[in-house]
Protein backbone atom coordinates (compact mmCIF):
# COMPACT_ATOMS: atom_id res chain seq x y z
CA MET A 1 97.68 108.27 110.20
CA ILE A 2 99.33 106.79 113.29
CA ALA A 3 97.76 103.43 112.39
CA ALA A 4 99.38 103.57 108.95
CA PHE A 5 102.84 104.13 110.44
CA LEU A 6 102.31 101.35 113.01
CA LEU A 7 101.19 98.92 110.29
CA GLY A 8 104.45 99.55 108.45
CA LEU A 9 106.49 99.41 111.65
CA ILE A 10 105.09 96.00 112.55
CA GLY A 11 105.31 94.74 108.98
CA GLY A 12 109.02 95.50 108.86
CA VAL A 13 109.85 93.16 111.75
CA VAL A 14 107.53 90.31 110.80
CA PRO A 15 109.70 87.42 109.52
CA GLY A 16 109.36 86.98 105.79
CA PRO A 17 111.33 86.40 102.59
CA ALA A 18 112.62 89.99 102.36
CA LEU A 19 113.89 89.98 105.95
CA ALA A 20 115.49 86.56 105.53
CA ALA A 21 117.24 87.77 102.36
CA THR A 22 118.42 90.87 104.24
CA PHE A 23 119.92 88.79 107.06
CA THR A 24 121.56 86.47 104.55
CA GLU A 25 123.17 89.42 102.75
CA ILE A 26 124.43 90.86 106.05
CA LEU A 27 126.23 87.60 106.78
CA GLN A 28 127.69 87.49 103.28
CA SER A 29 128.65 91.10 102.68
CA GLY A 30 127.82 93.30 105.66
CA PHE A 31 125.21 95.87 106.60
CA LEU A 32 125.71 98.38 103.79
CA ARG A 33 125.16 95.77 101.08
CA CYS A 34 121.84 94.69 102.62
CA LEU A 35 120.46 98.21 102.17
CA ARG A 36 120.18 97.50 98.44
CA ILE A 37 117.82 94.60 99.16
CA ILE A 38 115.78 96.66 101.62
CA LEU A 39 115.36 99.61 99.25
CA LEU A 40 114.49 97.43 96.26
CA ALA A 41 112.00 95.46 98.38
CA MET A 42 110.41 98.72 99.50
CA LEU A 43 110.15 100.04 95.93
CA THR A 44 108.58 96.76 94.80
CA GLU A 45 106.13 96.75 97.69
CA THR A 46 105.22 100.37 96.91
CA THR A 47 104.48 99.31 93.34
CA VAL A 48 102.24 96.53 94.67
CA ALA A 49 100.45 99.05 96.89
CA LEU A 50 99.89 101.59 94.11
CA PHE A 51 98.70 98.89 91.72
CA SER A 52 96.34 97.47 94.34
CA MET A 53 94.83 100.86 95.05
CA SER A 54 94.31 101.68 91.39
CA VAL A 55 92.82 98.26 90.57
CA LEU A 56 90.44 98.21 93.53
CA THR A 57 88.95 101.51 92.45
CA SER A 58 88.08 100.09 89.05
CA MET A 59 87.54 96.33 89.50
CA HIS A 60 87.47 93.59 92.12
CA LEU A 61 89.99 90.80 91.58
CA PRO A 62 88.96 87.52 93.22
CA TYR A 63 91.04 86.22 96.10
CA ALA A 64 91.63 83.09 94.00
CA PHE A 65 94.02 85.15 91.85
CA PHE A 66 96.22 85.90 94.82
CA ALA A 67 95.90 82.40 96.21
CA GLY A 68 97.20 81.12 92.88
CA LEU A 69 99.99 83.69 92.91
CA SER A 70 101.17 82.27 96.23
CA PHE A 71 102.02 78.97 94.50
CA VAL A 72 104.38 80.86 92.19
CA GLY A 73 105.86 82.66 95.20
CA ALA A 74 106.40 79.36 96.98
CA GLY A 75 108.36 78.09 93.98
CA VAL A 76 110.54 81.20 93.96
CA LEU A 77 111.31 80.79 97.67
CA ILE A 78 112.19 77.10 97.29
CA TRP A 79 114.58 77.99 94.46
CA ILE A 80 116.34 80.65 96.55
CA ALA A 81 116.43 78.29 99.55
CA SER A 82 118.28 75.70 97.45
CA LEU A 83 120.95 78.30 96.64
CA ILE A 84 121.34 79.38 100.26
CA TRP A 85 121.53 75.79 101.53
CA ARG A 86 124.76 75.19 99.57
CA VAL A 87 126.69 78.10 101.15
CA ARG A 88 129.58 76.89 103.32
CA GLU A 89 131.78 79.97 103.64
CA ILE A 90 131.29 83.71 103.61
CA ASP A 91 132.88 85.45 100.60
CA SER A 92 133.18 82.16 98.72
CA ARG A 93 132.03 81.09 95.27
CA GLU A 94 128.93 79.73 96.94
CA LYS A 95 127.75 83.22 97.89
CA VAL A 96 124.11 83.79 96.98
CA ASN A 97 123.78 86.67 94.55
CA PHE A 98 120.54 88.50 95.25
CA THR A 99 120.06 90.07 91.84
CA PRO A 100 117.34 92.69 91.34
CA GLY A 101 115.35 90.10 89.38
CA LYS A 102 115.41 87.63 92.27
CA ILE A 103 114.41 90.25 94.80
CA VAL A 104 111.59 91.69 92.70
CA SER A 105 110.18 88.27 91.76
CA MET A 106 110.36 87.16 95.40
CA ILE A 107 108.32 90.19 96.50
CA LEU A 108 105.85 90.23 93.59
CA ALA A 109 105.10 86.52 93.96
CA ASN A 110 104.28 86.87 97.66
CA GLY A 111 100.52 86.43 97.69
CA VAL A 112 100.43 87.34 101.39
CA LEU A 113 101.76 90.81 100.55
CA TRP A 114 99.08 91.37 97.91
CA THR A 115 96.39 90.14 100.28
CA PHE A 116 97.69 92.37 103.09
CA TRP A 117 97.48 95.46 100.91
CA ILE A 118 94.14 94.61 99.32
CA THR A 119 92.31 93.48 102.46
CA VAL A 120 93.94 95.64 105.15
CA CYS A 121 95.77 98.68 103.83
CA VAL A 122 93.78 99.76 100.78
CA PRO A 123 90.41 99.94 102.59
CA ARG A 124 92.03 102.07 105.33
CA ALA A 125 93.72 104.24 102.71
CA VAL A 126 90.39 104.85 100.97
CA VAL A 127 88.81 105.95 104.27
CA LEU A 128 91.67 108.39 104.91
CA ASP A 129 91.36 109.69 101.36
CA LYS A 130 87.78 110.73 102.10
CA ARG A 131 88.96 112.75 105.11
CA ILE A 132 92.18 114.25 103.75
CA PHE A 133 93.16 115.38 100.26
CA MET A 134 95.44 112.72 98.71
CA GLY A 135 94.88 110.70 101.88
CA GLN A 136 95.42 107.32 100.25
CA TYR A 137 98.90 108.32 99.10
CA LEU A 138 99.71 109.75 102.53
CA PHE A 139 98.63 106.41 104.02
CA LEU A 140 100.91 104.55 101.62
CA ALA A 141 103.86 106.82 102.41
CA LEU A 142 103.42 106.39 106.17
CA VAL A 143 103.21 102.59 105.90
CA GLU A 144 106.40 102.46 103.81
CA ILE A 145 108.27 104.87 106.12
CA GLY A 146 107.35 102.69 109.09
CA TRP A 147 108.38 99.53 107.23
CA LEU A 148 111.72 101.05 106.20
CA ALA A 149 112.49 102.31 109.72
CA SER A 150 111.84 98.96 111.41
CA THR A 151 113.52 96.84 108.73
CA VAL A 152 116.71 98.94 108.73
CA GLY A 153 116.66 98.96 112.54
CA VAL A 154 116.38 95.17 112.80
CA ALA A 155 119.09 94.74 110.14
CA ALA A 156 121.43 97.10 112.04
CA VAL A 157 120.93 95.13 115.26
CA PHE A 158 121.50 91.85 113.44
CA SER A 159 124.68 93.17 111.79
CA THR A 160 126.26 93.81 115.20
CA PHE A 161 126.40 90.02 115.65
CA ARG A 162 127.87 89.39 112.20
CA LYS A 163 131.40 88.71 113.52
CA ALA A 164 130.17 85.96 115.84
CA LEU A 165 127.96 84.54 113.10
CA SER A 166 130.91 84.54 110.66
CA ASN A 167 132.68 81.76 112.58
CA PRO A 168 133.50 78.92 110.10
CA ARG A 169 131.63 76.47 112.31
CA VAL A 170 128.58 78.68 112.50
CA VAL A 171 128.31 79.76 108.84
CA PRO A 172 126.92 76.50 107.37
CA MET A 173 124.36 76.20 110.17
CA ALA A 174 123.34 79.86 109.87
CA PHE A 175 122.76 79.63 106.12
CA LYS A 176 120.90 76.34 106.47
CA LEU A 177 118.67 78.06 109.03
CA PHE A 178 117.93 80.86 106.54
CA ALA A 179 117.27 78.29 103.82
CA LEU A 180 114.80 76.51 106.10
CA MET A 181 113.13 79.87 106.81
CA PHE A 182 112.57 80.34 103.08
CA VAL A 183 111.17 76.80 102.82
CA TYR A 184 108.85 77.49 105.76
CA PHE A 185 107.52 80.67 104.16
CA ALA A 186 107.07 78.79 100.88
CA LEU A 187 105.11 75.98 102.55
CA GLU A 188 103.04 78.46 104.55
CA MET A 189 102.10 80.37 101.38
CA ALA A 190 101.30 77.19 99.47
CA TRP A 191 99.28 75.66 102.32
CA GLY A 192 97.21 78.82 102.69
CA SER A 193 96.32 78.60 99.02
CA VAL A 194 95.53 74.88 99.24
CA GLU A 195 93.17 75.53 102.16
CA TYR A 196 91.45 78.32 100.23
CA PHE A 197 90.89 76.22 97.10
CA ALA A 198 89.72 73.29 99.25
CA ARG A 199 87.08 75.50 100.89
CA ILE A 200 85.64 76.80 97.61
CA ARG A 201 85.29 73.36 96.01
């Protein structure tokens, strides 16, 4: 059970699309507004986890499915990066609007997330389920609680520097940095899939 909480705790501070979107929203609108992104990301990830657990008990999806999904995720990240790159001022018309659709698609199309749950979390959850009644759901809850705690904590720390980061000279550079982060994650996801398909040829 401790391992489940630690997995979530570490996962919440690992740089990724959700964390980059959270930091971007803090710069645009402050800490409270970023909580919407965090909560929606958590709900979406929980859906992924529940789906993964239910599917793995009935059928075995090939890794190729998730490798292919990563190409879609890379496209979503590049699209969002292009929006962030154009931001010049905070509270301007160029503000990136992280709609629920963008957030959900960004999370669902992250093949790394699916792989993490299917290859790491679900097997551990199944083992715990054999030891404790409803163990797999307890595992899921502990992972998500850990993820939420660390993500909110990192966002709170980041928000304390918002004033300094809101300097007109800093804003364009900060948003370009976040855009490049999204591009990096997109390329990393796509390259991982390319390597996988190259190996199975």
